[in-house]
Amino acid sequence: MPVMPAGPAWAGVDNMASVPGLDQPARLLARFTNPEIVVLQHFLSHHECDELVRLARPRLAPSETVADDEDDLSRTSQGMFFDPAENALIRTIDQRIAHCFNWPVTHGEDLQVLRYETGGRYDPHYDYFSASTPDDISGVHLHGQRVATVILYLNEPEQGGDTAFVDRDFRVTPTKGNAVFFSYLSADASSKTLHAGLPVLAGEKWIANKWLRARPF
């Protein structure tokens, strides 16, 4: 089983021209440890962002929550999942994530795209599975626990919609093409990865999520 590295593979590397499909070097904007949180600029091109939105829009459905102690009101968004390698764009993004964060393509969940309209939010939550329900226990047994998250920002709301890391008192402003990565090697509160999608105050917010697993998905 792969072991999550101490830091992403690109740490300390200034030139990312060799990253699959990246047309300009990504730039490190912020980095924290305990937990590992990394914010990157130019991870997606604006064209890639627009294309993800275009492809996802007709396939949106009300989003579900991952934790058994959350209710449907805690997450007010619409979402969809792309099938693995269903088109060249998805293959390129999956390969880029695998390259940049040193994690096998096979160990990533399907890419999800979400839309939050004005007032939309996702209350504070963790991304790992609690493994306290039959579905969670089965999923973790088959594919391993989630160990990291990559959030890709596909547009910029007129106001609001920040990603807030509660334990770090840190917010990431949605900026088109940027990405935030964070890891959680323990599936409990000691991971310090409690986070929220703050309410969109004006406009709408589009993001894509990629969750990395301990075993092939």
N, C-alpha and C. Protein backbone atom coordinates (compact mmCIF):
# COMPACT_ATOMS: atom_id res chain seq x y z
N MET A 1 0.84 -1.20 0.00
CA MET A 1 0.00 0.00 0.00
C MET A 1 0.87 1.24 0.00
N PRO A 2 0.61 2.22 -0.86
CA PRO A 2 1.39 3.45 -0.85
C PRO A 2 1.25 4.17 0.48
N VAL A 3 2.25 4.94 0.82
CA VAL A 3 2.23 5.74 2.03
C VAL A 3 2.25 7.20 1.64
N MET A 4 1.32 7.99 2.17
CA MET A 4 1.27 9.41 1.84
C MET A 4 2.60 10.06 2.19
N PRO A 5 3.24 10.75 1.26
CA PRO A 5 4.53 11.38 1.52
C PRO A 5 4.40 12.50 2.54
N ALA A 6 5.55 12.91 3.09
CA ALA A 6 5.55 13.98 4.08
C ALA A 6 5.03 15.27 3.49
N GLY A 7 5.22 15.48 2.21
CA GLY A 7 4.70 16.67 1.53
C GLY A 7 4.48 16.34 0.08
N PRO A 8 3.71 17.16 -0.63
CA PRO A 8 3.47 16.91 -2.05
C PRO A 8 4.77 16.84 -2.84
N ALA A 9 4.76 16.13 -3.96
CA ALA A 9 5.97 15.90 -4.73
C ALA A 9 6.59 17.19 -5.25
N TRP A 10 5.78 18.23 -5.46
CA TRP A 10 6.28 19.46 -6.05
C TRP A 10 6.90 20.39 -5.01
N ALA A 11 6.86 20.06 -3.71
CA ALA A 11 7.32 20.96 -2.66
C ALA A 11 8.76 21.40 -2.94
N GLY A 12 8.96 22.71 -2.97
CA GLY A 12 10.29 23.25 -3.22
C GLY A 12 10.65 23.36 -4.68
N VAL A 13 9.77 22.90 -5.58
CA VAL A 13 10.04 22.95 -7.01
C VAL A 13 9.36 24.19 -7.59
N ASP A 14 10.12 25.05 -8.24
CA ASP A 14 9.57 26.30 -8.76
C ASP A 14 8.97 26.14 -10.16
N ASN A 15 9.56 25.28 -10.98
CA ASN A 15 9.12 25.15 -12.36
C ASN A 15 8.29 23.88 -12.52
N MET A 16 7.01 24.05 -12.87
CA MET A 16 6.13 22.90 -13.04
C MET A 16 5.77 22.71 -14.50
N ALA A 17 6.65 23.13 -15.40
CA ALA A 17 6.34 23.05 -16.83
C ALA A 17 6.14 21.61 -17.28
N SER A 18 6.69 20.65 -16.56
CA SER A 18 6.58 19.25 -16.96
C SER A 18 5.30 18.60 -16.48
N VAL A 19 4.50 19.31 -15.71
CA VAL A 19 3.25 18.74 -15.21
C VAL A 19 2.32 18.48 -16.39
N PRO A 20 1.66 17.30 -16.45
CA PRO A 20 0.82 16.96 -17.61
C PRO A 20 -0.25 18.01 -17.90
N GLY A 21 -0.21 18.56 -19.12
CA GLY A 21 -1.23 19.47 -19.58
C GLY A 21 -1.19 20.87 -19.02
N LEU A 22 -0.21 21.19 -18.19
CA LEU A 22 -0.16 22.52 -17.57
C LEU A 22 0.53 23.49 -18.51
N ASP A 23 -0.16 24.58 -18.87
CA ASP A 23 0.40 25.49 -19.86
C ASP A 23 1.21 26.62 -19.26
N GLN A 24 1.26 26.72 -17.93
CA GLN A 24 2.14 27.68 -17.27
C GLN A 24 2.48 27.15 -15.88
N PRO A 25 3.63 27.52 -15.34
CA PRO A 25 4.03 27.00 -14.03
C PRO A 25 3.03 27.40 -12.95
N ALA A 26 2.62 26.43 -12.15
CA ALA A 26 1.78 26.73 -10.99
C ALA A 26 2.63 27.42 -9.93
N ARG A 27 1.98 28.22 -9.11
CA ARG A 27 2.68 29.00 -8.10
C ARG A 27 2.16 28.65 -6.72
N LEU A 28 3.08 28.41 -5.79
CA LEU A 28 2.71 28.13 -4.41
C LEU A 28 2.28 29.43 -3.72
N LEU A 29 1.03 29.48 -3.25
CA LEU A 29 0.52 30.68 -2.60
C LEU A 29 0.56 30.58 -1.08
N ALA A 30 0.35 29.38 -0.54
CA ALA A 30 0.34 29.20 0.92
C ALA A 30 0.58 27.74 1.24
N ARG A 31 1.23 27.52 2.38
CA ARG A 31 1.45 26.14 2.84
C ARG A 31 1.49 26.11 4.35
N PHE A 32 0.80 25.12 4.91
CA PHE A 32 0.80 24.89 6.35
C PHE A 32 1.13 23.42 6.62
N THR A 33 1.58 23.15 7.81
CA THR A 33 1.73 21.78 8.27
C THR A 33 0.84 21.59 9.50
N ASN A 34 0.51 20.35 9.78
CA ASN A 34 -0.32 20.00 10.95
C ASN A 34 -1.62 20.79 11.01
N PRO A 35 -2.49 20.58 10.04
CA PRO A 35 -2.41 19.62 8.94
C PRO A 35 -1.70 20.21 7.73
N GLU A 36 -1.34 19.32 6.80
CA GLU A 36 -0.76 19.77 5.54
C GLU A 36 -1.86 20.42 4.70
N ILE A 37 -1.71 21.71 4.45
CA ILE A 37 -2.63 22.46 3.57
C ILE A 37 -1.76 23.23 2.58
N VAL A 38 -2.06 23.09 1.30
CA VAL A 38 -1.30 23.75 0.26
C VAL A 38 -2.27 24.45 -0.69
N VAL A 39 -1.98 25.69 -1.04
CA VAL A 39 -2.79 26.44 -2.00
C VAL A 39 -1.91 26.75 -3.21
N LEU A 40 -2.39 26.39 -4.40
CA LEU A 40 -1.65 26.59 -5.64
C LEU A 40 -2.43 27.49 -6.60
N GLN A 41 -1.71 28.37 -7.28
CA GLN A 41 -2.29 29.23 -8.31
C GLN A 41 -2.01 28.61 -9.69
N HIS A 42 -2.93 28.79 -10.63
CA HIS A 42 -2.78 28.33 -12.02
C HIS A 42 -2.72 26.80 -12.12
N PHE A 43 -3.43 26.09 -11.24
CA PHE A 43 -3.41 24.63 -11.34
C PHE A 43 -4.23 24.16 -12.54
N LEU A 44 -5.31 24.87 -12.85
CA LEU A 44 -6.10 24.64 -14.06
C LEU A 44 -6.07 25.91 -14.90
N SER A 45 -6.14 25.74 -16.21
CA SER A 45 -6.30 26.90 -17.08
C SER A 45 -7.76 27.35 -17.03
N HIS A 46 -8.02 28.59 -17.43
CA HIS A 46 -9.40 29.07 -17.47
C HIS A 46 -10.23 28.26 -18.47
N HIS A 47 -9.60 27.85 -19.56
CA HIS A 47 -10.32 27.02 -20.54
C HIS A 47 -10.73 25.69 -19.91
N GLU A 48 -9.85 25.06 -19.15
CA GLU A 48 -10.18 23.80 -18.49
C GLU A 48 -11.32 23.99 -17.49
N CYS A 49 -11.27 25.08 -16.74
CA CYS A 49 -12.36 25.38 -15.79
C CYS A 49 -13.69 25.51 -16.52
N ASP A 50 -13.70 26.29 -17.58
CA ASP A 50 -14.93 26.52 -18.33
C ASP A 50 -15.46 25.21 -18.94
N GLU A 51 -14.57 24.37 -19.40
CA GLU A 51 -14.98 23.12 -20.03
C GLU A 51 -15.57 22.16 -19.00
N LEU A 52 -14.99 22.11 -17.80
CA LEU A 52 -15.56 21.28 -16.74
C LEU A 52 -16.98 21.73 -16.39
N VAL A 53 -17.16 23.03 -16.28
CA VAL A 53 -18.49 23.57 -15.99
C VAL A 53 -19.47 23.21 -17.11
N ARG A 54 -19.04 23.39 -18.34
CA ARG A 54 -19.92 23.10 -19.49
C ARG A 54 -20.34 21.65 -19.51
N LEU A 55 -19.40 20.75 -19.28
CA LEU A 55 -19.70 19.32 -19.32
C LEU A 55 -20.55 18.87 -18.13
N ALA A 56 -20.34 19.51 -16.98
CA ALA A 56 -21.04 19.09 -15.77
C ALA A 56 -22.46 19.62 -15.68
N ARG A 57 -22.70 20.81 -16.21
CA ARG A 57 -23.97 21.51 -15.98
C ARG A 57 -25.21 20.65 -16.26
N PRO A 58 -25.30 19.97 -17.42
CA PRO A 58 -26.53 19.21 -17.69
C PRO A 58 -26.67 17.94 -16.86
N ARG A 59 -25.67 17.58 -16.07
CA ARG A 59 -25.69 16.33 -15.32
C ARG A 59 -25.82 16.55 -13.81
N LEU A 60 -26.09 17.78 -13.38
CA LEU A 60 -26.14 18.09 -11.95
C LEU A 60 -27.37 17.48 -11.29
N ALA A 61 -27.18 17.09 -10.02
CA ALA A 61 -28.26 16.58 -9.17
C ALA A 61 -27.98 17.03 -7.74
N PRO A 62 -28.98 17.08 -6.87
CA PRO A 62 -28.73 17.50 -5.48
C PRO A 62 -27.62 16.67 -4.83
N SER A 63 -26.71 17.35 -4.12
CA SER A 63 -25.56 16.69 -3.52
C SER A 63 -25.95 15.95 -2.25
N GLU A 64 -25.21 14.87 -1.98
CA GLU A 64 -25.36 14.12 -0.74
C GLU A 64 -24.20 14.44 0.18
N THR A 65 -24.35 14.06 1.46
CA THR A 65 -23.27 14.24 2.43
C THR A 65 -22.57 12.92 2.65
N VAL A 66 -21.34 12.98 3.18
CA VAL A 66 -20.56 11.77 3.38
C VAL A 66 -20.71 11.19 4.77
N ALA A 67 -21.00 12.03 5.77
CA ALA A 67 -21.02 11.57 7.15
C ALA A 67 -22.43 11.22 7.59
N ASP A 68 -22.54 10.17 8.40
CA ASP A 68 -23.85 9.74 8.85
C ASP A 68 -24.47 10.69 9.87
N ASP A 69 -23.67 11.61 10.44
CA ASP A 69 -24.22 12.54 11.43
C ASP A 69 -24.56 13.89 10.80
N GLU A 70 -24.51 13.99 9.47
CA GLU A 70 -24.91 15.21 8.79
C GLU A 70 -26.30 15.03 8.20
N ASP A 71 -27.04 16.12 8.06
CA ASP A 71 -28.33 16.05 7.38
C ASP A 71 -28.25 16.77 6.04
N ASP A 72 -29.31 16.62 5.25
CA ASP A 72 -29.29 17.18 3.90
C ASP A 72 -29.19 18.70 3.89
N LEU A 73 -29.58 19.35 5.00
CA LEU A 73 -29.54 20.80 5.05
C LEU A 73 -28.14 21.34 5.27
N SER A 74 -27.19 20.48 5.64
CA SER A 74 -25.83 20.95 5.90
C SER A 74 -25.07 21.22 4.61
N ARG A 75 -25.58 20.70 3.49
CA ARG A 75 -24.91 20.87 2.20
C ARG A 75 -25.94 21.26 1.16
N THR A 76 -25.86 22.47 0.68
CA THR A 76 -26.85 22.98 -0.26
C THR A 76 -26.18 23.24 -1.60
N SER A 77 -26.01 22.20 -2.36
CA SER A 77 -25.34 22.31 -3.66
C SER A 77 -25.91 21.27 -4.60
N GLN A 78 -25.50 21.37 -5.85
CA GLN A 78 -25.79 20.37 -6.86
C GLN A 78 -24.46 19.83 -7.37
N GLY A 79 -24.42 18.54 -7.71
CA GLY A 79 -23.16 17.96 -8.13
C GLY A 79 -23.32 16.80 -9.08
N MET A 80 -22.19 16.33 -9.59
CA MET A 80 -22.13 15.17 -10.46
C MET A 80 -20.73 14.60 -10.42
N PHE A 81 -20.57 13.37 -10.87
CA PHE A 81 -19.27 12.72 -10.95
C PHE A 81 -18.97 12.35 -12.40
N PHE A 82 -17.74 12.60 -12.82
CA PHE A 82 -17.28 12.12 -14.11
C PHE A 82 -16.80 10.68 -13.97
N ASP A 83 -17.06 9.87 -14.97
CA ASP A 83 -16.52 8.52 -14.98
C ASP A 83 -15.01 8.58 -15.17
N PRO A 84 -14.28 7.61 -14.64
CA PRO A 84 -12.82 7.60 -14.80
C PRO A 84 -12.42 7.62 -16.27
N ALA A 85 -11.56 8.56 -16.63
CA ALA A 85 -11.01 8.64 -17.98
C ALA A 85 -12.09 8.73 -19.05
N GLU A 86 -13.22 9.37 -18.74
CA GLU A 86 -14.32 9.41 -19.72
C GLU A 86 -14.01 10.34 -20.90
N ASN A 87 -13.07 11.26 -20.71
CA ASN A 87 -12.65 12.10 -21.84
C ASN A 87 -11.22 12.59 -21.58
N ALA A 88 -10.65 13.24 -22.59
CA ALA A 88 -9.24 13.64 -22.49
C ALA A 88 -9.01 14.64 -21.36
N LEU A 89 -9.97 15.53 -21.12
CA LEU A 89 -9.81 16.52 -20.06
C LEU A 89 -9.73 15.87 -18.69
N ILE A 90 -10.61 14.92 -18.41
CA ILE A 90 -10.60 14.23 -17.12
C ILE A 90 -9.30 13.44 -16.95
N ARG A 91 -8.86 12.80 -18.02
CA ARG A 91 -7.60 12.05 -17.94
C ARG A 91 -6.43 12.99 -17.63
N THR A 92 -6.40 14.15 -18.26
CA THR A 92 -5.33 15.10 -18.03
C THR A 92 -5.33 15.61 -16.60
N ILE A 93 -6.49 15.97 -16.08
CA ILE A 93 -6.58 16.49 -14.71
C ILE A 93 -6.20 15.42 -13.70
N ASP A 94 -6.68 14.19 -13.91
CA ASP A 94 -6.33 13.10 -12.99
C ASP A 94 -4.82 12.87 -12.97
N GLN A 95 -4.20 12.90 -14.16
CA GLN A 95 -2.76 12.69 -14.24
C GLN A 95 -2.01 13.84 -13.57
N ARG A 96 -2.51 15.05 -13.73
CA ARG A 96 -1.87 16.22 -13.12
C ARG A 96 -1.91 16.12 -11.59
N ILE A 97 -3.06 15.75 -11.06
CA ILE A 97 -3.20 15.60 -9.61
C ILE A 97 -2.26 14.51 -9.11
N ALA A 98 -2.22 13.38 -9.81
CA ALA A 98 -1.34 12.28 -9.40
C ALA A 98 0.12 12.72 -9.41
N HIS A 99 0.52 13.46 -10.43
CA HIS A 99 1.90 13.92 -10.56
C HIS A 99 2.25 14.92 -9.46
N CYS A 100 1.39 15.91 -9.26
CA CYS A 100 1.71 17.00 -8.34
C CYS A 100 1.69 16.57 -6.89
N PHE A 101 0.80 15.65 -6.56
CA PHE A 101 0.65 15.26 -5.17
C PHE A 101 1.16 13.86 -4.88
N ASN A 102 1.91 13.30 -5.84
CA ASN A 102 2.64 12.06 -5.63
C ASN A 102 1.73 10.94 -5.14
N TRP A 103 0.63 10.76 -5.86
CA TRP A 103 -0.35 9.74 -5.45
C TRP A 103 -0.88 9.07 -6.70
N PRO A 104 -0.98 7.72 -6.73
CA PRO A 104 -1.36 7.02 -7.97
C PRO A 104 -2.74 7.42 -8.48
N VAL A 105 -2.88 7.52 -9.79
CA VAL A 105 -4.18 7.78 -10.39
C VAL A 105 -5.21 6.76 -9.92
N THR A 106 -4.77 5.51 -9.77
CA THR A 106 -5.67 4.43 -9.37
C THR A 106 -6.23 4.61 -7.96
N HIS A 107 -5.60 5.47 -7.15
CA HIS A 107 -6.03 5.65 -5.77
C HIS A 107 -6.87 6.91 -5.57
N GLY A 108 -7.42 7.44 -6.66
CA GLY A 108 -8.27 8.62 -6.57
C GLY A 108 -9.71 8.29 -6.91
N GLU A 109 -10.64 8.90 -6.19
CA GLU A 109 -12.06 8.74 -6.52
C GLU A 109 -12.37 9.49 -7.82
N ASP A 110 -13.55 9.25 -8.34
CA ASP A 110 -13.99 9.95 -9.55
C ASP A 110 -14.07 11.45 -9.27
N LEU A 111 -13.70 12.25 -10.25
CA LEU A 111 -13.74 13.70 -10.10
C LEU A 111 -15.19 14.17 -9.98
N GLN A 112 -15.46 14.97 -8.94
CA GLN A 112 -16.79 15.51 -8.72
C GLN A 112 -16.80 17.01 -9.00
N VAL A 113 -17.86 17.50 -9.65
CA VAL A 113 -18.06 18.92 -9.86
C VAL A 113 -19.31 19.35 -9.10
N LEU A 114 -19.22 20.51 -8.42
CA LEU A 114 -20.31 21.03 -7.60
C LEU A 114 -20.63 22.46 -7.98
N ARG A 115 -21.91 22.81 -7.89
CA ARG A 115 -22.35 24.19 -8.04
C ARG A 115 -23.10 24.62 -6.79
N TYR A 116 -22.66 25.74 -6.21
CA TYR A 116 -23.36 26.37 -5.10
C TYR A 116 -23.96 27.68 -5.60
N GLU A 117 -25.29 27.79 -5.54
CA GLU A 117 -25.95 29.03 -5.93
C GLU A 117 -25.93 30.01 -4.76
N THR A 118 -26.42 31.21 -4.96
CA THR A 118 -26.45 32.21 -3.90
C THR A 118 -27.14 31.62 -2.66
N GLY A 119 -26.47 31.73 -1.52
CA GLY A 119 -26.95 31.13 -0.28
C GLY A 119 -26.44 29.73 -0.04
N GLY A 120 -25.85 29.09 -1.06
CA GLY A 120 -25.36 27.73 -0.92
C GLY A 120 -24.15 27.66 0.00
N ARG A 121 -24.03 26.55 0.72
CA ARG A 121 -22.96 26.38 1.69
C ARG A 121 -22.76 24.90 1.98
N TYR A 122 -21.68 24.60 2.67
CA TYR A 122 -21.46 23.26 3.23
C TYR A 122 -20.92 23.47 4.63
N ASP A 123 -21.72 23.14 5.64
CA ASP A 123 -21.36 23.39 7.03
C ASP A 123 -20.08 22.63 7.41
N PRO A 124 -19.42 22.99 8.54
CA PRO A 124 -18.16 22.33 8.93
C PRO A 124 -18.28 20.81 8.94
N HIS A 125 -17.29 20.16 8.34
CA HIS A 125 -17.33 18.71 8.18
C HIS A 125 -15.92 18.18 7.94
N TYR A 126 -15.78 16.86 8.04
CA TYR A 126 -14.55 16.16 7.67
C TYR A 126 -14.83 15.37 6.39
N ASP A 127 -13.81 15.12 5.60
CA ASP A 127 -13.98 14.40 4.35
C ASP A 127 -13.80 12.88 4.49
N TYR A 128 -13.15 12.42 5.54
CA TYR A 128 -12.95 10.99 5.72
C TYR A 128 -14.28 10.34 6.14
N PHE A 129 -14.33 9.01 6.01
CA PHE A 129 -15.52 8.25 6.38
C PHE A 129 -15.46 7.88 7.86
N SER A 130 -16.61 7.97 8.51
CA SER A 130 -16.66 7.61 9.93
C SER A 130 -16.59 6.11 10.14
N ALA A 131 -16.90 5.33 9.08
CA ALA A 131 -16.87 3.86 9.15
C ALA A 131 -17.80 3.32 10.22
N SER A 132 -18.91 4.03 10.45
CA SER A 132 -19.86 3.57 11.47
C SER A 132 -21.18 3.11 10.86
N THR A 133 -21.29 3.17 9.53
CA THR A 133 -22.47 2.66 8.86
C THR A 133 -22.05 1.52 7.93
N PRO A 134 -22.96 0.62 7.59
CA PRO A 134 -22.59 -0.52 6.71
C PRO A 134 -21.96 -0.07 5.41
N ASP A 135 -22.50 0.99 4.78
CA ASP A 135 -21.93 1.45 3.51
C ASP A 135 -20.52 1.98 3.70
N ASP A 136 -20.30 2.75 4.78
CA ASP A 136 -18.96 3.29 5.04
C ASP A 136 -17.97 2.17 5.33
N ILE A 137 -18.38 1.21 6.14
CA ILE A 137 -17.50 0.09 6.49
C ILE A 137 -17.13 -0.69 5.24
N SER A 138 -18.12 -0.94 4.37
CA SER A 138 -17.86 -1.67 3.13
C SER A 138 -16.93 -0.90 2.22
N GLY A 139 -17.18 0.42 2.08
CA GLY A 139 -16.35 1.23 1.20
C GLY A 139 -14.91 1.33 1.67
N VAL A 140 -14.70 1.51 2.96
CA VAL A 140 -13.34 1.60 3.50
C VAL A 140 -12.63 0.26 3.38
N HIS A 141 -13.37 -0.82 3.59
CA HIS A 141 -12.77 -2.15 3.47
C HIS A 141 -12.29 -2.40 2.04
N LEU A 142 -13.08 -1.97 1.05
CA LEU A 142 -12.73 -2.22 -0.34
C LEU A 142 -11.64 -1.29 -0.85
N HIS A 143 -11.74 0.00 -0.53
CA HIS A 143 -10.89 1.01 -1.16
C HIS A 143 -9.97 1.74 -0.19
N GLY A 144 -10.03 1.41 1.09
CA GLY A 144 -9.24 2.14 2.06
C GLY A 144 -9.90 3.46 2.42
N GLN A 145 -9.41 4.08 3.46
CA GLN A 145 -9.95 5.36 3.91
C GLN A 145 -9.50 6.48 2.98
N ARG A 146 -10.28 7.56 2.93
CA ARG A 146 -9.80 8.77 2.28
C ARG A 146 -8.63 9.33 3.09
N VAL A 147 -7.60 9.82 2.40
CA VAL A 147 -6.43 10.34 3.09
C VAL A 147 -6.10 11.78 2.71
N ALA A 148 -6.71 12.30 1.65
CA ALA A 148 -6.44 13.67 1.23
C ALA A 148 -7.53 14.15 0.29
N THR A 149 -7.63 15.48 0.18
CA THR A 149 -8.62 16.12 -0.68
C THR A 149 -7.94 17.17 -1.55
N VAL A 150 -8.36 17.26 -2.80
CA VAL A 150 -7.95 18.35 -3.69
C VAL A 150 -9.22 19.07 -4.13
N ILE A 151 -9.29 20.38 -3.88
CA ILE A 151 -10.40 21.21 -4.33
C ILE A 151 -9.91 22.13 -5.44
N LEU A 152 -10.60 22.13 -6.56
CA LEU A 152 -10.26 22.95 -7.71
C LEU A 152 -11.35 24.01 -7.89
N TYR A 153 -10.95 25.27 -7.98
CA TYR A 153 -11.92 26.36 -8.10
C TYR A 153 -12.13 26.68 -9.58
N LEU A 154 -13.38 26.56 -10.03
CA LEU A 154 -13.69 26.67 -11.45
C LEU A 154 -14.23 28.03 -11.85
N ASN A 155 -14.58 28.86 -10.86
CA ASN A 155 -15.02 30.22 -11.15
C ASN A 155 -14.82 31.06 -9.90
N GLU A 156 -15.27 32.30 -9.95
CA GLU A 156 -15.15 33.20 -8.80
C GLU A 156 -16.51 33.78 -8.47
N PRO A 157 -17.10 33.43 -7.31
CA PRO A 157 -18.38 34.03 -6.93
C PRO A 157 -18.24 35.55 -6.82
N GLU A 158 -19.34 36.24 -6.99
CA GLU A 158 -19.31 37.69 -6.82
C GLU A 158 -18.95 38.05 -5.39
N GLN A 159 -19.41 37.24 -4.43
CA GLN A 159 -19.10 37.50 -3.02
C GLN A 159 -19.30 36.21 -2.23
N GLY A 160 -18.39 35.96 -1.28
CA GLY A 160 -18.52 34.81 -0.39
C GLY A 160 -18.02 33.52 -1.01
N GLY A 161 -18.33 32.41 -0.34
CA GLY A 161 -17.98 31.09 -0.84
C GLY A 161 -16.58 30.61 -0.49
N ASP A 162 -15.92 31.27 0.48
CA ASP A 162 -14.58 30.83 0.88
C ASP A 162 -14.60 29.42 1.44
N THR A 163 -13.47 28.72 1.31
CA THR A 163 -13.26 27.46 2.02
C THR A 163 -12.56 27.79 3.33
N ALA A 164 -13.20 27.47 4.46
CA ALA A 164 -12.68 27.83 5.78
C ALA A 164 -12.16 26.59 6.50
N PHE A 165 -10.89 26.63 6.92
CA PHE A 165 -10.31 25.58 7.73
C PHE A 165 -10.42 26.01 9.19
N VAL A 166 -11.34 25.38 9.90
CA VAL A 166 -11.72 25.83 11.23
C VAL A 166 -10.56 25.73 12.21
N ASP A 167 -9.83 24.63 12.19
CA ASP A 167 -8.76 24.42 13.17
C ASP A 167 -7.55 25.31 12.92
N ARG A 168 -7.39 25.80 11.69
CA ARG A 168 -6.27 26.69 11.37
C ARG A 168 -6.68 28.16 11.32
N ASP A 169 -7.97 28.44 11.45
CA ASP A 169 -8.48 29.81 11.30
C ASP A 169 -7.94 30.42 10.00
N PHE A 170 -8.12 29.65 8.92
CA PHE A 170 -7.57 30.03 7.61
C PHE A 170 -8.65 29.86 6.56
N ARG A 171 -8.72 30.81 5.63
CA ARG A 171 -9.70 30.76 4.56
C ARG A 171 -9.01 30.82 3.20
N VAL A 172 -9.59 30.09 2.26
CA VAL A 172 -9.13 30.13 0.87
C VAL A 172 -10.25 30.77 0.05
N THR A 173 -9.93 31.89 -0.61
CA THR A 173 -10.89 32.57 -1.45
C THR A 173 -10.99 31.87 -2.80
N PRO A 174 -12.19 31.54 -3.26
CA PRO A 174 -12.33 30.88 -4.57
C PRO A 174 -11.77 31.76 -5.69
N THR A 175 -10.73 31.26 -6.35
CA THR A 175 -10.10 31.98 -7.45
C THR A 175 -9.98 31.02 -8.63
N LYS A 176 -10.52 31.39 -9.75
CA LYS A 176 -10.59 30.51 -10.91
C LYS A 176 -9.22 29.94 -11.27
N GLY A 177 -9.13 28.63 -11.35
CA GLY A 177 -7.90 27.95 -11.72
C GLY A 177 -7.03 27.54 -10.55
N ASN A 178 -7.32 28.03 -9.35
CA ASN A 178 -6.51 27.69 -8.18
C ASN A 178 -6.95 26.36 -7.58
N ALA A 179 -6.08 25.80 -6.73
CA ALA A 179 -6.35 24.52 -6.08
C ALA A 179 -5.90 24.57 -4.63
N VAL A 180 -6.60 23.83 -3.79
CA VAL A 180 -6.14 23.64 -2.41
C VAL A 180 -6.09 22.13 -2.15
N PHE A 181 -4.99 21.70 -1.54
CA PHE A 181 -4.77 20.30 -1.17
C PHE A 181 -4.65 20.23 0.34
N PHE A 182 -5.30 19.23 0.96
CA PHE A 182 -5.05 18.99 2.39
C PHE A 182 -5.16 17.49 2.66
N SER A 183 -4.35 17.03 3.62
CA SER A 183 -4.29 15.60 3.93
C SER A 183 -4.70 15.35 5.37
N TYR A 184 -5.15 14.12 5.60
CA TYR A 184 -5.62 13.72 6.94
C TYR A 184 -5.29 12.24 7.11
N LEU A 185 -4.15 11.99 7.74
CA LEU A 185 -3.68 10.62 7.89
C LEU A 185 -4.42 9.87 8.98
N SER A 186 -5.13 10.59 9.85
CA SER A 186 -5.96 9.96 10.87
C SER A 186 -7.41 10.34 10.61
N ALA A 187 -8.29 9.36 10.66
CA ALA A 187 -9.71 9.60 10.38
C ALA A 187 -10.45 9.98 11.66
N ASP A 188 -9.98 11.06 12.27
CA ASP A 188 -10.61 11.55 13.49
C ASP A 188 -10.26 13.03 13.65
N ALA A 189 -10.76 13.64 14.71
CA ALA A 189 -10.60 15.08 14.90
C ALA A 189 -9.15 15.50 15.05
N SER A 190 -8.25 14.57 15.42
CA SER A 190 -6.84 14.92 15.55
C SER A 190 -6.22 15.31 14.22
N SER A 191 -6.90 15.01 13.11
CA SER A 191 -6.40 15.41 11.78
C SER A 191 -6.44 16.92 11.59
N LYS A 192 -7.25 17.60 12.39
CA LYS A 192 -7.38 19.07 12.33
C LYS A 192 -7.80 19.55 10.94
N THR A 193 -8.67 18.78 10.28
CA THR A 193 -9.10 19.15 8.93
C THR A 193 -10.59 19.49 8.88
N LEU A 194 -11.17 19.90 9.99
CA LEU A 194 -12.54 20.39 9.96
C LEU A 194 -12.59 21.61 9.05
N HIS A 195 -13.47 21.58 8.05
CA HIS A 195 -13.54 22.67 7.09
C HIS A 195 -14.97 22.88 6.62
N ALA A 196 -15.21 24.03 6.01
CA ALA A 196 -16.55 24.38 5.58
C ALA A 196 -16.50 25.16 4.28
N GLY A 197 -17.56 25.02 3.50
CA GLY A 197 -17.78 25.90 2.36
C GLY A 197 -18.70 27.02 2.82
N LEU A 198 -18.16 28.20 3.02
CA LEU A 198 -18.95 29.30 3.56
C LEU A 198 -20.02 29.74 2.56
N PRO A 199 -21.12 30.34 3.03
CA PRO A 199 -22.22 30.70 2.15
C PRO A 199 -21.78 31.60 1.00
N VAL A 200 -22.32 31.31 -0.18
CA VAL A 200 -22.14 32.19 -1.33
C VAL A 200 -23.11 33.36 -1.16
N LEU A 201 -22.58 34.57 -1.07
CA LEU A 201 -23.41 35.74 -0.78
C LEU A 201 -23.96 36.39 -2.04
N ALA A 202 -23.28 36.21 -3.15
CA ALA A 202 -23.76 36.74 -4.43
C ALA A 202 -23.14 35.92 -5.55
N GLY A 203 -23.93 35.67 -6.59
CA GLY A 203 -23.45 34.86 -7.70
C GLY A 203 -23.52 33.38 -7.39
N GLU A 204 -22.64 32.59 -8.00
CA GLU A 204 -22.58 31.16 -7.75
C GLU A 204 -21.13 30.70 -7.72
N LYS A 205 -20.92 29.55 -7.11
CA LYS A 205 -19.57 28.99 -6.99
C LYS A 205 -19.55 27.60 -7.63
N TRP A 206 -18.54 27.38 -8.48
CA TRP A 206 -18.29 26.07 -9.08
C TRP A 206 -16.94 25.56 -8.61
N ILE A 207 -16.91 24.32 -8.13
CA ILE A 207 -15.66 23.70 -7.73
C ILE A 207 -15.64 22.25 -8.23
N ALA A 208 -14.45 21.66 -8.24
CA ALA A 208 -14.29 20.23 -8.48
C ALA A 208 -13.54 19.64 -7.30
N ASN A 209 -13.93 18.44 -6.90
CA ASN A 209 -13.29 17.75 -5.78
C ASN A 209 -12.65 16.46 -6.27
N LYS A 210 -11.49 16.14 -5.71
CA LYS A 210 -10.84 14.86 -5.94
C LYS A 210 -10.39 14.33 -4.59
N TRP A 211 -10.92 13.15 -4.20
CA TRP A 211 -10.52 12.56 -2.94
C TRP A 211 -9.55 11.41 -3.20
N LEU A 212 -8.47 11.38 -2.45
CA LEU A 212 -7.43 10.37 -2.60
C LEU A 212 -7.61 9.29 -1.55
N ARG A 213 -7.47 8.05 -1.95
CA ARG A 213 -7.73 6.89 -1.09
C ARG A 213 -6.43 6.16 -0.74
N ALA A 214 -6.50 5.36 0.32
CA ALA A 214 -5.35 4.58 0.74
C ALA A 214 -5.13 3.37 -0.15
N ARG A 215 -6.17 2.92 -0.87
CA ARG A 215 -6.06 1.78 -1.77
C ARG A 215 -6.75 2.12 -3.09
N PRO A 216 -6.57 1.28 -4.11
CA PRO A 216 -7.20 1.57 -5.40
C PRO A 216 -8.72 1.71 -5.26
N PHE A 217 -9.25 2.65 -6.01
CA PHE A 217 -10.69 2.93 -5.98
C PHE A 217 -11.37 2.30 -7.19
